């Protein structure tokens, strides 16, 4: 890909295999925090880019998929930081 780096399928998965922003209570109910997840995804992308000598300022295009559009406000708030 020449001087291009393609990154895809990035999630909020942490090095210890937990999912940032996902909590499961004693009853097995999962609660998701889109703000925490979005920050973790951005940090994971930042780490991938850094390993190739690049940074977020070098990103040309991002495609994002939300499972629930009710999460857009929280996602957009963090993404805009």
C-alpha atoms as a PDB file:
ATOM      1  CA  UNK A   1       0.000   0.000   0.000  1.00  0.00           C
ATOM      2  CA  UNK A   2       2.988   2.311  -0.421  1.00  0.00           C
ATOM      3  CA  UNK A   3       3.065   4.962   2.268  1.00  0.00           C
ATOM      4  CA  UNK A   4      -0.494   4.163   3.363  1.00  0.00           C
ATOM      5  CA  UNK A   5      -1.478   2.286   6.505  1.00  0.00           C
ATOM      6  CA  UNK A   6      -4.913   0.675   6.627  1.00  0.00           C
ATOM      7  CA  UNK A   7      -6.402  -0.041  10.063  1.00  0.00           C
ATOM      8  CA  UNK A   8      -9.720  -1.864  10.393  1.00  0.00           C
ATOM      9  CA  UNK A   9     -11.860  -3.747  12.860  1.00  0.00           C
ATOM     10  CA  UNK A  10     -10.565  -1.817  15.851  1.00  0.00           C
ATOM     11  CA  UNK A  11     -12.541  -2.170  19.073  1.00  0.00           C
ATOM     12  CA  UNK A  12     -12.269  -1.187  22.716  1.00  0.00           C
ATOM     13  CA  UNK A  13     -10.651  -4.528  23.605  1.00  0.00           C
ATOM     14  CA  UNK A  14      -7.846  -4.092  26.140  1.00  0.00           C
ATOM     15  CA  UNK A  15      -4.529  -6.012  26.237  1.00  0.00           C
ATOM     16  CA  UNK A  16      -5.908  -8.253  29.018  1.00  0.00           C
ATOM     17  CA  UNK A  17      -8.851  -9.181  26.723  1.00  0.00           C
ATOM     18  CA  UNK A  18     -11.453  -7.164  28.664  1.00  0.00           C
ATOM     19  CA  UNK A  19     -13.693  -4.747  26.767  1.00  0.00           C
ATOM     20  CA  UNK A  20     -13.355  -1.140  27.944  1.00  0.00           C
ATOM     21  CA  UNK A  21     -16.703   0.369  28.813  1.00  0.00           C
ATOM     22  CA  UNK A  22     -18.471  -2.972  29.287  1.00  0.00           C
ATOM     23  CA  UNK A  23     -19.582  -4.022  32.759  1.00  0.00           C
ATOM     24  CA  UNK A  24     -21.499  -7.181  33.665  1.00  0.00           C
ATOM     25  CA  UNK A  25     -23.464  -7.235  36.920  1.00  0.00           C
ATOM     26  CA  UNK A  26     -24.186 -10.234  39.165  1.00  0.00           C
ATOM     27  CA  UNK A  27     -27.320 -11.022  37.149  1.00  0.00           C
ATOM     28  CA  UNK A  28     -25.345 -11.135  33.892  1.00  0.00           C
ATOM     29  CA  UNK A  29     -26.727  -7.861  32.557  1.00  0.00           C
ATOM     30  CA  UNK A  30     -24.200  -5.968  30.444  1.00  0.00           C
ATOM     31  CA  UNK A  31     -23.983  -2.194  30.627  1.00  0.00           C
ATOM     32  CA  UNK A  32     -22.050  -0.369  27.908  1.00  0.00           C
ATOM     33  CA  UNK A  33     -20.517   3.104  28.211  1.00  0.00           C
ATOM     34  CA  UNK A  34     -20.059   4.527  24.716  1.00  0.00           C
ATOM     35  CA  UNK A  35     -17.790   7.320  25.970  1.00  0.00           C
ATOM     36  CA  UNK A  36     -15.354   4.897  27.594  1.00  0.00           C
ATOM     37  CA  UNK A  37     -15.516   2.613  24.561  1.00  0.00           C
ATOM     38  CA  UNK A  38     -14.883   5.472  22.124  1.00  0.00           C
ATOM     39  CA  UNK A  39     -11.868   6.705  24.109  1.00  0.00           C
ATOM     40  CA  UNK A  40     -10.457   3.172  24.202  1.00  0.00           C
ATOM     41  CA  UNK A  41     -10.897   2.704  20.452  1.00  0.00           C
ATOM     42  CA  UNK A  42      -9.136   6.002  19.761  1.00  0.00           C
ATOM     43  CA  UNK A  43      -6.288   4.996  22.093  1.00  0.00           C
ATOM     44  CA  UNK A  44      -5.999   1.606  20.360  1.00  0.00           C
ATOM     45  CA  UNK A  45      -5.831   3.329  16.975  1.00  0.00           C
ATOM     46  CA  UNK A  46      -3.261   5.802  18.342  1.00  0.00           C
ATOM     47  CA  UNK A  47      -1.102   2.864  19.517  1.00  0.00           C
ATOM     48  CA  UNK A  48      -1.346   1.105  16.149  1.00  0.00           C
ATOM     49  CA  UNK A  49      -0.412   4.285  14.311  1.00  0.00           C
ATOM     50  CA  UNK A  50       2.489   4.981  16.685  1.00  0.00           C
ATOM     51  CA  UNK A  51       3.897   1.507  16.025  1.00  0.00           C
ATOM     52  CA  UNK A  52       4.163   2.538  12.356  1.00  0.00           C
ATOM     53  CA  UNK A  53       5.619   5.981  13.112  1.00  0.00           C
ATOM     54  CA  UNK A  54       2.341   7.831  12.541  1.00  0.00           C
ATOM     55  CA  UNK A  55      -0.253   9.610  14.667  1.00  0.00           C
ATOM     56  CA  UNK A  56      -3.888  10.633  14.709  1.00  0.00           C
ATOM     57  CA  UNK A  57      -3.003  13.805  12.791  1.00  0.00           C
ATOM     58  CA  UNK A  58      -2.034  11.549   9.865  1.00  0.00           C
ATOM     59  CA  UNK A  59      -5.476   9.910   9.603  1.00  0.00           C
ATOM     60  CA  UNK A  60      -7.213  10.656   6.302  1.00  0.00           C
ATOM     61  CA  UNK A  61     -10.553   8.868   6.680  1.00  0.00           C
ATOM     62  CA  UNK A  62     -12.539   7.128   9.408  1.00  0.00           C
ATOM     63  CA  UNK A  63     -15.679   5.017   9.020  1.00  0.00           C
ATOM     64  CA  UNK A  64     -17.586   4.323  12.221  1.00  0.00           C
ATOM     65  CA  UNK A  65     -20.426   1.911  12.833  1.00  0.00           C
ATOM     66  CA  UNK A  66     -22.694   2.294  15.859  1.00  0.00           C
ATOM     67  CA  UNK A  67     -24.960  -0.566  16.910  1.00  0.00           C
ATOM     68  CA  UNK A  68     -27.373   1.849  18.572  1.00  0.00           C
ATOM     69  CA  UNK A  69     -27.881   5.367  17.215  1.00  0.00           C
ATOM     70  CA  UNK A  70     -28.885   6.451  20.721  1.00  0.00           C
ATOM     71  CA  UNK A  71     -25.135   6.256  21.460  1.00  0.00           C
ATOM     72  CA  UNK A  72     -24.302   8.881  18.840  1.00  0.00           C
ATOM     73  CA  UNK A  73     -24.274  11.821  21.278  1.00  0.00           C
ATOM     74  CA  UNK A  74     -21.718  10.235  23.613  1.00  0.00           C
ATOM     75  CA  UNK A  75     -19.634   8.932  20.729  1.00  0.00           C
ATOM     76  CA  UNK A  76     -19.631  12.296  18.980  1.00  0.00           C
ATOM     77  CA  UNK A  77     -18.702  14.147  22.174  1.00  0.00           C
ATOM     78  CA  UNK A  78     -15.567  12.037  22.680  1.00  0.00           C
ATOM     79  CA  UNK A  79     -14.708  11.916  18.969  1.00  0.00           C
ATOM     80  CA  UNK A  80     -14.831  15.718  18.883  1.00  0.00           C
ATOM     81  CA  UNK A  81     -12.282  16.066  21.694  1.00  0.00           C
END
